[in-house]
């Protein structure tokens, strides 16, 4: 077996087999039921909280982010190549039916991210004057609180190492790989030159610390998402006669595996589920334990306020942006051209707008993937701080990460995606254990927040570990 075949076997039979899919979707279903479907009953309040204070100039604690900045940083990480190349890969590998399972995973994933954000807020700490938090911290502090300090510390250390490798190193190879592929196709520029330029630009943002990362995210993320969505809407208008058959095809393939709209053959439902859930997770990251690193540092009055904002992030990422990509591909028939990865989405824009569309997509992908590089860098740094509260360790992390960005621009697309799937699956395991074990704390926080709302009081939550 070749190396890529070994990685594929691990993904298909161990990490992304039925046990992982059942665990992830099952967690989302369970949390959704026990919390009373917050992604339905609280979605309006979530949008109001998230965007109501978007332009607020309220003071925030030193070393923290505003709620919107935290969400923007989370979305910067969520909205990346998973939304453009990942969705295309899901359709090619799992058929149009994979999109339905991506939607379903995102719906229940909103319940999972609600739990993650609440725990990240409660168990966050202050180190060197800056807030830090995420799964490593709620695994350590939450388990210790319940008398299982050694187990919590072991899980936290395992998670911290896994996320540094999964997102900081391998994940950012995916981002630079997709940027290099798209820009080389559109503008005929050397992939190596693209990798070097990306590394230089990324270093500029990294070295500015939390403040520069937050400012970059809140400025760039809303603009890039809006421009891409408008481009996708233009495709749907041009191919409007294909919209209804496309939706029919998605639902037919999701439950029967039968191909429609000119597909040569059907794809097994289990394969559609595997790629839909896997690519959905890679995109919206619910249950993966990544975005809680950002939500932990939001300056809010109560942890549940950031849980509401976190749900909005998953909604925007999958229901809005991923759907825009999926529908653009399916209505144009770009998935039937024998292409792979980002080239499929590029073909959709080419079929709609010619070479101008290819260039437009390359520019959008570059911004999407670059903001993800910034977001994932921050998540990795947060966990380097957990492992070693030493500036030298952070500098080593930065150097290695920049090297991976350059290397990613030169790798083959199949290997990069399979490696990303493998390491994402590894980091999910300790996070899910923590979510199930500490879920009772989220219910207490939810009830406390509900009591505040009913009483009409606005009480600043006292963070126990900050």
Protein backbone atom coordinates (compact mmCIF):
# COMPACT_ATOMS: atom_id res chain seq x y z
CA UNK A 1 0.00 0.00 0.00
CA UNK A 2 1.18 3.51 -0.77
CA UNK A 3 1.25 6.20 1.93
CA UNK A 4 -1.93 7.87 0.65
CA UNK A 5 -3.70 4.48 0.56
CA UNK A 6 -2.76 3.88 4.20
CA UNK A 7 -4.12 7.30 5.20
CA UNK A 8 -7.32 6.68 3.21
CA UNK A 9 -7.79 3.30 4.92
CA UNK A 10 -7.41 4.90 8.37
CA UNK A 11 -9.92 7.61 7.45
CA UNK A 12 -12.50 5.30 5.90
CA UNK A 13 -12.29 2.44 8.39
CA UNK A 14 -11.25 4.02 11.69
CA UNK A 15 -11.49 7.80 12.08
CA UNK A 16 -14.28 8.51 9.61
CA UNK A 17 -16.11 5.23 9.72
CA UNK A 18 -19.58 4.90 11.17
CA UNK A 19 -18.47 5.17 14.84
CA UNK A 20 -17.13 8.71 14.37
CA UNK A 21 -20.07 9.84 12.26
CA UNK A 22 -22.52 8.43 14.81
CA UNK A 23 -20.60 10.05 17.68
CA UNK A 24 -20.52 13.50 16.05
CA UNK A 25 -24.06 13.59 14.75
CA UNK A 26 -25.27 11.79 17.87
CA UNK A 27 -23.67 14.41 20.10
CA UNK A 28 -25.37 17.15 18.13
CA UNK A 29 -28.74 15.40 18.32
CA UNK A 30 -28.42 14.73 22.05
CA UNK A 31 -27.33 18.28 22.91
CA UNK A 32 -30.07 19.69 20.68
CA UNK A 33 -32.76 17.65 22.43
CA UNK A 34 -31.50 18.33 25.96
CA UNK A 35 -31.14 22.06 25.31
CA UNK A 36 -34.56 22.38 23.67
CA UNK A 37 -33.48 22.99 20.04
CA UNK A 38 -31.62 26.29 20.60
CA UNK A 39 -30.78 26.46 16.87
CA UNK A 40 -34.52 26.91 16.29
CA UNK A 41 -35.87 28.62 19.39
CA UNK A 42 -32.91 30.96 19.94
CA UNK A 43 -31.78 31.62 16.36
CA UNK A 44 -33.49 35.02 16.20
CA UNK A 45 -31.94 36.06 19.52
CA UNK A 46 -28.59 34.75 18.31
CA UNK A 47 -28.62 36.95 15.20
CA UNK A 48 -29.79 39.94 17.22
CA UNK A 49 -27.01 39.49 19.78
CA UNK A 50 -24.36 38.86 17.12
CA UNK A 51 -25.12 41.64 14.68
CA UNK A 52 -26.85 44.06 17.03
CA UNK A 53 -23.49 45.00 18.51
CA UNK A 54 -21.52 44.67 15.29
CA UNK A 55 -20.68 48.37 15.11
CA UNK A 56 -20.64 48.93 18.85
CA UNK A 57 -17.60 50.71 20.24
CA UNK A 58 -18.08 49.34 23.75
CA UNK A 59 -14.90 48.94 25.72
CA UNK A 60 -13.57 45.44 26.07
CA UNK A 61 -11.15 43.97 28.56
CA UNK A 62 -7.47 44.17 27.71
CA UNK A 63 -6.33 40.90 26.16
CA UNK A 64 -9.80 39.94 24.94
CA UNK A 65 -11.93 40.33 21.80
CA UNK A 66 -15.43 41.71 21.40
CA UNK A 67 -18.13 39.12 20.81
CA UNK A 68 -18.24 39.99 17.10
CA UNK A 69 -14.45 39.90 16.76
CA UNK A 70 -14.41 36.43 18.33
CA UNK A 71 -17.12 35.30 15.94
CA UNK A 72 -15.32 36.89 12.97
CA UNK A 73 -12.11 35.08 13.95
CA UNK A 74 -14.08 31.83 14.25
CA UNK A 75 -15.73 32.38 10.85
CA UNK A 76 -12.33 33.30 9.38
CA UNK A 77 -11.26 29.78 10.37
CA UNK A 78 -14.53 28.15 9.32
CA UNK A 79 -14.98 29.85 5.94
CA UNK A 80 -12.03 28.62 3.91
CA UNK A 81 -11.20 25.99 1.34
CA UNK A 82 -13.73 23.69 2.99
CA UNK A 83 -16.45 25.95 1.59
CA UNK A 84 -15.07 25.97 -1.95
CA UNK A 85 -12.76 23.00 -2.53
CA UNK A 86 -14.18 20.86 0.29
CA UNK A 87 -17.76 21.10 -0.91
CA UNK A 88 -16.60 20.20 -4.42
CA UNK A 89 -14.71 17.19 -3.05
CA UNK A 90 -17.81 16.10 -1.13
CA UNK A 91 -19.90 16.18 -4.31
CA UNK A 92 -17.29 14.37 -6.43
CA UNK A 93 -16.66 11.67 -3.81
CA UNK A 94 -20.11 11.39 -2.25
CA UNK A 95 -22.42 12.61 -4.99
CA UNK A 96 -25.01 15.42 -4.73
CA UNK A 97 -26.62 13.60 -1.79
CA UNK A 98 -23.60 14.50 0.35
CA UNK A 99 -24.89 18.07 0.45
CA UNK A 100 -28.04 17.03 2.31
CA UNK A 101 -25.97 15.24 4.93
CA UNK A 102 -23.74 18.29 5.19
CA UNK A 103 -26.81 20.42 5.94
CA UNK A 104 -28.12 17.94 8.50
CA UNK A 105 -24.74 17.70 10.23
CA UNK A 106 -24.60 21.52 10.38
CA UNK A 107 -28.09 21.76 11.91
CA UNK A 108 -27.19 19.47 14.77
CA UNK A 109 -23.68 20.90 14.82
CA UNK A 110 -25.22 24.18 15.97
CA UNK A 111 -26.21 22.35 19.14
CA UNK A 112 -22.68 21.04 19.55
CA UNK A 113 -21.01 24.43 19.05
CA UNK A 114 -23.43 25.92 21.61
CA UNK A 115 -21.98 23.53 24.20
CA UNK A 116 -18.37 24.09 23.10
CA UNK A 117 -18.60 27.88 23.33
CA UNK A 118 -20.24 27.83 26.77
CA UNK A 119 -17.55 25.54 28.20
CA UNK A 120 -14.77 27.53 26.55
CA UNK A 121 -16.10 30.68 28.19
CA UNK A 122 -16.54 29.21 31.66
CA UNK A 123 -13.15 27.51 31.93
CA UNK A 124 -10.97 30.15 30.26
CA UNK A 125 -7.87 31.53 31.96
CA UNK A 126 -5.68 34.62 31.86
CA UNK A 127 -2.02 34.14 30.93
CA UNK A 128 0.44 37.03 30.59
CA UNK A 129 -2.43 39.51 30.57
CA UNK A 130 -4.35 37.78 27.75
CA UNK A 131 -7.38 35.52 27.84
CA UNK A 132 -6.87 31.96 26.65
CA UNK A 133 -9.35 29.13 26.43
CA UNK A 134 -10.75 26.24 24.44
CA UNK A 135 -10.95 22.45 24.82
CA UNK A 136 -7.50 22.09 26.39
CA UNK A 137 -8.58 24.44 29.16
CA UNK A 138 -12.06 23.03 29.75
CA UNK A 139 -10.66 19.50 29.72
CA UNK A 140 -8.05 20.44 32.32
CA UNK A 141 -10.17 22.67 34.58
CA UNK A 142 -13.50 20.92 34.11
CA UNK A 143 -12.19 17.42 34.87
CA UNK A 144 -10.15 18.69 37.82
CA UNK A 145 -13.29 20.33 39.22
CA UNK A 146 -14.94 16.90 39.24
CA UNK A 147 -12.00 15.08 40.82
CA UNK A 148 -10.37 13.71 37.64
CA UNK A 149 -7.41 16.06 37.31
CA UNK A 150 -4.94 13.50 35.87
CA UNK A 151 -7.38 12.31 33.19
CA UNK A 152 -8.29 15.88 32.29
CA UNK A 153 -4.66 16.92 32.00
CA UNK A 154 -3.88 13.92 29.78
CA UNK A 155 -6.82 14.60 27.46
CA UNK A 156 -5.99 18.32 27.36
CA UNK A 157 -2.36 17.65 26.42
CA UNK A 158 -3.40 15.15 23.73
CA UNK A 159 -5.88 17.65 22.30
CA UNK A 160 -3.40 20.55 22.33
CA UNK A 161 -0.82 18.53 20.40
CA UNK A 162 -3.46 17.24 17.96
CA UNK A 163 -4.87 20.67 17.11
CA UNK A 164 -1.42 22.17 16.58
CA UNK A 165 -0.68 19.43 14.04
CA UNK A 166 -4.20 19.22 12.56
CA UNK A 167 -4.85 22.90 11.97
CA UNK A 168 -1.63 24.79 12.52
CA UNK A 169 0.45 22.52 10.31
CA UNK A 170 -1.52 20.06 8.11
CA UNK A 171 -4.69 22.18 7.95
CA UNK A 172 -2.81 25.21 6.73
CA UNK A 173 -1.17 23.05 4.06
CA UNK A 174 -4.71 22.50 2.73
CA UNK A 175 -5.30 26.23 2.61
CA UNK A 176 -2.06 27.08 0.79
CA UNK A 177 -2.54 24.09 -1.53
CA UNK A 178 -5.95 25.31 -2.65
CA UNK A 179 -4.78 28.91 -3.05
CA UNK A 180 -1.80 27.81 -5.14
CA UNK A 181 -3.98 25.56 -7.30
CA UNK A 182 -6.58 28.27 -7.95
CA UNK A 183 -4.17 31.15 -8.54
CA UNK A 184 -1.87 29.07 -10.78
CA UNK A 185 -4.86 28.08 -12.94
CA UNK A 186 -6.24 31.62 -13.14
CA UNK A 187 -3.05 33.69 -13.42
CA UNK A 188 -0.28 31.18 -14.35
CA UNK A 189 1.92 32.00 -11.34
CA UNK A 190 4.41 29.52 -9.87
CA UNK A 191 2.93 27.58 -6.88
CA UNK A 192 6.21 27.98 -5.00
CA UNK A 193 6.13 31.76 -5.44
CA UNK A 194 2.54 31.78 -4.17
CA UNK A 195 3.57 29.76 -1.11
CA UNK A 196 6.39 32.18 -0.28
CA UNK A 197 4.11 35.23 -0.64
CA UNK A 198 1.44 33.63 1.56
CA UNK A 199 4.01 32.90 4.25
CA UNK A 200 5.23 36.52 4.23
CA UNK A 201 1.71 37.98 4.46
CA UNK A 202 0.70 35.50 7.16
CA UNK A 203 3.77 36.36 9.24
CA UNK A 204 2.84 40.05 9.09
CA UNK A 205 -0.57 39.33 10.62
CA UNK A 206 0.70 36.79 13.17
CA UNK A 207 3.34 39.08 14.59
CA UNK A 208 0.69 41.69 15.45
CA UNK A 209 -0.78 39.38 18.09
CA UNK A 210 -4.41 39.04 19.14
CA UNK A 211 -5.26 42.67 18.42
CA UNK A 212 -4.14 42.58 14.79
CA UNK A 213 -5.73 39.15 14.19
CA UNK A 214 -9.08 40.36 15.60
CA UNK A 215 -9.02 43.60 13.60
CA UNK A 216 -8.10 41.74 10.41
CA UNK A 217 -10.90 39.20 10.88
CA UNK A 218 -13.70 41.66 11.63
CA UNK A 219 -12.75 43.81 8.61
CA UNK A 220 -12.13 41.15 5.97
CA UNK A 221 -14.55 38.31 6.81
CA UNK A 222 -17.91 40.10 6.23
CA UNK A 223 -16.71 41.67 2.97
CA UNK A 224 -15.26 38.47 1.48
CA UNK A 225 -18.34 36.39 2.38
CA UNK A 226 -20.73 38.94 0.86
CA UNK A 227 -18.79 39.23 -2.41
CA UNK A 228 -18.64 35.45 -2.85
CA UNK A 229 -22.34 34.98 -2.07
CA UNK A 230 -23.26 37.66 -4.62
CA UNK A 231 -21.16 35.85 -7.24
CA UNK A 232 -22.93 32.57 -6.48
CA UNK A 233 -26.33 34.25 -6.65
CA UNK A 234 -25.40 35.53 -10.12
CA UNK A 235 -24.74 31.93 -11.21
CA UNK A 236 -28.10 30.80 -9.82
CA UNK A 237 -29.86 33.59 -11.71
CA UNK A 238 -28.14 32.58 -14.95
CA UNK A 239 -29.01 28.88 -14.44
CA UNK A 240 -32.34 29.47 -12.70
CA UNK A 241 -34.09 26.74 -14.69
CA UNK A 242 -31.79 24.16 -13.05
CA UNK A 243 -32.46 25.15 -9.43
CA UNK A 244 -35.52 22.99 -8.76
CA UNK A 245 -34.08 19.88 -10.48
CA UNK A 246 -30.89 20.40 -8.48
CA UNK A 247 -32.71 20.33 -5.14
CA UNK A 248 -34.65 17.27 -6.30
CA UNK A 249 -31.35 15.62 -7.20
CA UNK A 250 -29.80 16.39 -3.80
CA UNK A 251 -32.67 14.79 -1.87
CA UNK A 252 -32.99 11.84 -4.26
CA UNK A 253 -29.28 11.01 -4.06
CA UNK A 254 -29.20 11.49 -0.28
CA UNK A 255 -31.65 8.67 0.36
CA UNK A 256 -31.37 6.39 -2.67
CA UNK A 257 -27.88 6.98 -4.03
CA UNK A 258 -29.34 7.41 -7.49
CA UNK A 259 -27.62 9.96 -9.72
CA UNK A 260 -29.69 12.54 -11.56
CA UNK A 261 -28.99 15.55 -13.78
CA UNK A 262 -26.79 13.56 -16.17
CA UNK A 263 -24.71 11.64 -13.61
CA UNK A 264 -23.21 8.44 -14.98
CA UNK A 265 -23.80 6.32 -11.90
CA UNK A 266 -25.14 6.41 -8.39
CA UNK A 267 -23.07 6.52 -5.20
CA UNK A 268 -23.85 4.47 -2.09
CA UNK A 269 -25.75 6.41 0.58
CA UNK A 270 -23.14 5.53 3.21
CA UNK A 271 -20.44 7.19 1.04
CA UNK A 272 -22.62 10.27 0.66
CA UNK A 273 -23.03 10.41 4.45
CA UNK A 274 -19.31 9.88 5.05
CA UNK A 275 -18.19 12.71 2.77
CA UNK A 276 -21.06 15.03 3.64
CA UNK A 277 -20.40 14.82 7.38
CA UNK A 278 -16.59 14.83 7.03
CA UNK A 279 -16.47 17.83 4.71
CA UNK A 280 -19.16 19.57 6.75
CA UNK A 281 -17.05 19.17 9.87
CA UNK A 282 -13.93 20.36 8.09
CA UNK A 283 -15.86 23.45 7.04
CA UNK A 284 -17.96 24.47 10.08
CA UNK A 285 -15.74 22.69 12.65
CA UNK A 286 -18.63 21.96 15.07
CA UNK A 287 -17.49 19.29 17.53
CA UNK A 288 -13.90 19.51 16.37
CA UNK A 289 -12.81 21.78 19.21
CA UNK A 290 -11.19 24.49 17.09
CA UNK A 291 -13.46 27.55 17.16
CA UNK A 292 -13.95 27.42 20.98
CA UNK A 293 -10.39 28.76 21.14
CA UNK A 294 -11.77 31.98 19.67
CA UNK A 295 -15.14 32.04 21.44
CA UNK A 296 -13.37 31.65 24.80
CA UNK A 297 -11.84 35.13 24.64
CA UNK A 298 -15.01 37.07 23.78
CA UNK A 299 -15.84 39.88 26.19
CA UNK A 300 -19.49 39.12 27.01
CA UNK A 301 -21.63 39.43 30.13
CA UNK A 302 -22.45 35.73 30.24
CA UNK A 303 -21.01 32.58 28.55
CA UNK A 304 -24.34 31.73 26.91
CA UNK A 305 -24.22 34.97 24.94
CA UNK A 306 -21.21 33.61 23.08
CA UNK A 307 -22.95 30.26 22.62
CA UNK A 308 -25.59 32.14 20.65
CA UNK A 309 -22.95 33.86 18.53
CA UNK A 310 -21.21 30.53 17.91
CA UNK A 311 -24.39 29.03 16.43
CA UNK A 312 -24.54 31.92 13.95
CA UNK A 313 -21.03 31.01 12.81
CA UNK A 314 -22.05 27.46 11.86
CA UNK A 315 -25.20 28.77 10.12
CA UNK A 316 -23.24 31.26 8.02
CA UNK A 317 -20.52 28.80 7.17
CA UNK A 318 -22.61 25.84 6.05
CA UNK A 319 -26.19 26.92 5.39
CA UNK A 320 -25.11 30.07 3.56
CA UNK A 321 -21.59 29.80 2.13
CA UNK A 322 -21.31 26.02 1.58
CA UNK A 323 -24.76 25.98 0.01
CA UNK A 324 -23.73 28.79 -2.34
CA UNK A 325 -20.82 26.66 -3.57
CA UNK A 326 -22.82 23.43 -3.81
CA UNK A 327 -25.65 24.97 -5.80
CA UNK A 328 -23.21 26.79 -8.12
CA UNK A 329 -21.51 23.47 -8.91
CA UNK A 330 -24.68 21.44 -9.35
CA UNK A 331 -26.72 23.89 -11.45
CA UNK A 332 -23.84 24.30 -13.91
CA UNK A 333 -22.98 20.59 -14.01
CA UNK A 334 -19.33 21.32 -13.18
CA UNK A 335 -19.14 18.11 -11.13
CA UNK A 336 -19.55 16.03 -14.29
CA UNK A 337 -16.33 17.22 -15.96
CA UNK A 338 -13.94 14.77 -14.31
CA UNK A 339 -12.16 17.43 -12.26
CA UNK A 340 -11.04 17.40 -8.61
CA UNK A 341 -10.94 19.79 -5.66
CA UNK A 342 -11.07 23.51 -6.25
CA UNK A 343 -10.93 22.96 -10.05
CA UNK A 344 -14.59 21.80 -9.87
CA UNK A 345 -15.77 25.07 -8.35
CA UNK A 346 -13.58 27.01 -10.76
CA UNK A 347 -15.25 25.18 -13.62
CA UNK A 348 -18.67 26.25 -12.30
CA UNK A 349 -17.64 29.90 -12.42
CA UNK A 350 -15.99 29.33 -15.82
CA UNK A 351 -19.19 27.86 -17.25
CA UNK A 352 -21.11 30.87 -15.97
CA UNK A 353 -18.70 33.74 -16.66
CA UNK A 354 -15.75 32.40 -18.63
CA UNK A 355 -12.17 33.26 -17.68
CA UNK A 356 -13.41 36.24 -15.64
CA UNK A 357 -15.30 33.82 -13.42
CA UNK A 358 -12.16 31.70 -12.88
CA UNK A 359 -10.22 34.80 -11.81
CA UNK A 360 -13.07 35.91 -9.52
CA UNK A 361 -13.13 32.51 -7.82
CA UNK A 362 -9.35 32.48 -7.43
CA UNK A 363 -9.44 35.85 -5.68
CA UNK A 364 -12.32 34.77 -3.40
CA UNK A 365 -10.57 31.51 -2.53
CA UNK A 366 -7.36 33.35 -1.75
CA UNK A 367 -9.13 35.57 0.78
CA UNK A 368 -11.14 32.67 2.23
CA UNK A 369 -8.12 30.46 2.68
CA UNK A 370 -5.84 33.22 3.92
CA UNK A 371 -8.28 34.22 6.66
CA UNK A 372 -8.48 30.55 7.64
CA UNK A 373 -4.69 30.42 7.88
CA UNK A 374 -4.87 33.38 10.29
CA UNK A 375 -7.67 31.81 12.34
CA UNK A 376 -6.02 28.40 12.55
CA UNK A 377 -2.71 29.99 13.44
CA UNK A 378 -4.42 31.63 16.40
CA UNK A 379 -6.03 28.37 17.52
CA UNK A 380 -2.66 26.63 17.37
CA UNK A 381 -0.92 29.41 19.26
CA UNK A 382 -3.56 29.20 21.98
CA UNK A 383 -2.62 25.56 22.50
CA UNK A 384 1.10 26.16 22.30
CA UNK A 385 0.53 28.52 25.24
CA UNK A 386 -1.23 25.69 27.06
CA UNK A 387 1.73 23.35 26.55
CA UNK A 388 4.44 25.94 27.22
CA UNK A 389 4.01 29.46 28.54
CA UNK A 390 7.20 30.44 26.76
CA UNK A 391 7.65 32.99 23.97
CA UNK A 392 10.36 30.80 22.44
CA UNK A 393 7.88 27.96 21.92
CA UNK A 394 5.52 30.31 20.07
CA UNK A 395 8.37 31.49 17.83
CA UNK A 396 9.26 27.88 16.93
CA UNK A 397 5.59 27.19 16.19
CA UNK A 398 5.44 30.21 13.88
CA UNK A 399 8.53 29.14 11.92
CA UNK A 400 7.32 25.55 11.43
CA UNK A 401 3.84 26.74 10.42
CA UNK A 402 5.25 29.10 7.78
CA UNK A 403 7.31 26.22 6.37
CA UNK A 404 4.15 24.08 6.12
CA UNK A 405 2.37 26.90 4.26
CA UNK A 406 5.12 26.90 1.64
CA UNK A 407 5.20 23.07 1.41
CA UNK A 408 1.42 22.90 1.07
CA UNK A 409 1.53 24.93 -2.13
CA UNK A 410 3.56 22.11 -3.77
CA UNK A 411 1.70 18.97 -2.61
CA UNK A 412 -0.85 16.88 -4.51
CA UNK A 413 -4.43 17.74 -3.59
CA UNK A 414 -5.61 14.19 -2.74
CA UNK A 415 -2.88 13.57 -0.15
CA UNK A 416 -3.35 16.95 1.52
CA UNK A 417 -7.10 16.47 1.98
CA UNK A 418 -6.73 12.91 3.27
CA UNK A 419 -4.12 14.02 5.82
CA UNK A 420 -6.41 16.86 6.93
CA UNK A 421 -9.30 14.41 7.42
CA UNK A 422 -7.07 12.08 9.46
CA UNK A 423 -5.78 14.70 11.89
CA UNK A 424 -9.21 16.33 12.22
CA UNK A 425 -10.60 12.97 13.27
CA UNK A 426 -7.85 12.51 15.85
CA UNK A 427 -8.53 15.85 17.57
CA UNK A 428 -12.28 15.26 17.69
CA UNK A 429 -11.93 12.33 20.10
CA UNK A 430 -10.75 14.10 23.31
CA UNK A 431 -13.04 17.05 22.61
CA UNK A 432 -16.15 14.87 22.35
CA UNK A 433 -15.22 13.11 25.59
CA UNK A 434 -15.04 16.50 27.29
CA UNK A 435 -18.35 17.70 25.85
CA UNK A 436 -20.25 14.65 27.10
CA UNK A 437 -18.56 14.68 30.51
CA UNK A 438 -19.09 18.40 31.14
CA UNK A 439 -22.49 18.88 29.51
CA UNK A 440 -24.17 19.31 32.90
CA UNK A 441 -22.23 22.56 33.37
CA UNK A 442 -23.73 23.94 30.18
CA UNK A 443 -27.25 23.22 31.41
CA UNK A 444 -26.44 25.10 34.62
CA UNK A 445 -25.13 28.05 32.61
CA UNK A 446 -28.21 27.98 30.36
CA UNK A 447 -30.56 27.97 33.36
CA UNK A 448 -28.59 30.77 35.02
CA UNK A 449 -28.77 32.88 31.86
CA UNK A 450 -32.48 32.16 31.47
CA UNK A 451 -33.05 33.27 35.06
CA UNK A 452 -31.26 36.57 34.36
CA UNK A 453 -33.43 37.23 31.32
CA UNK A 454 -36.64 36.43 33.20
CA UNK A 455 -35.66 38.68 36.10
CA UNK A 456 -34.73 41.53 33.78
CA UNK A 457 -31.27 41.78 35.36
CA UNK A 458 -27.97 42.01 33.51
CA UNK A 459 -25.37 40.50 35.83
CA UNK A 460 -21.74 40.14 34.79
CA UNK A 461 -20.78 36.47 35.06
CA UNK A 462 -17.89 35.76 37.44
CA UNK A 463 -15.36 33.54 35.64
CA UNK A 464 -13.93 31.02 38.11
CA UNK A 465 -10.53 30.46 36.47
CA UNK A 466 -9.81 33.85 34.94
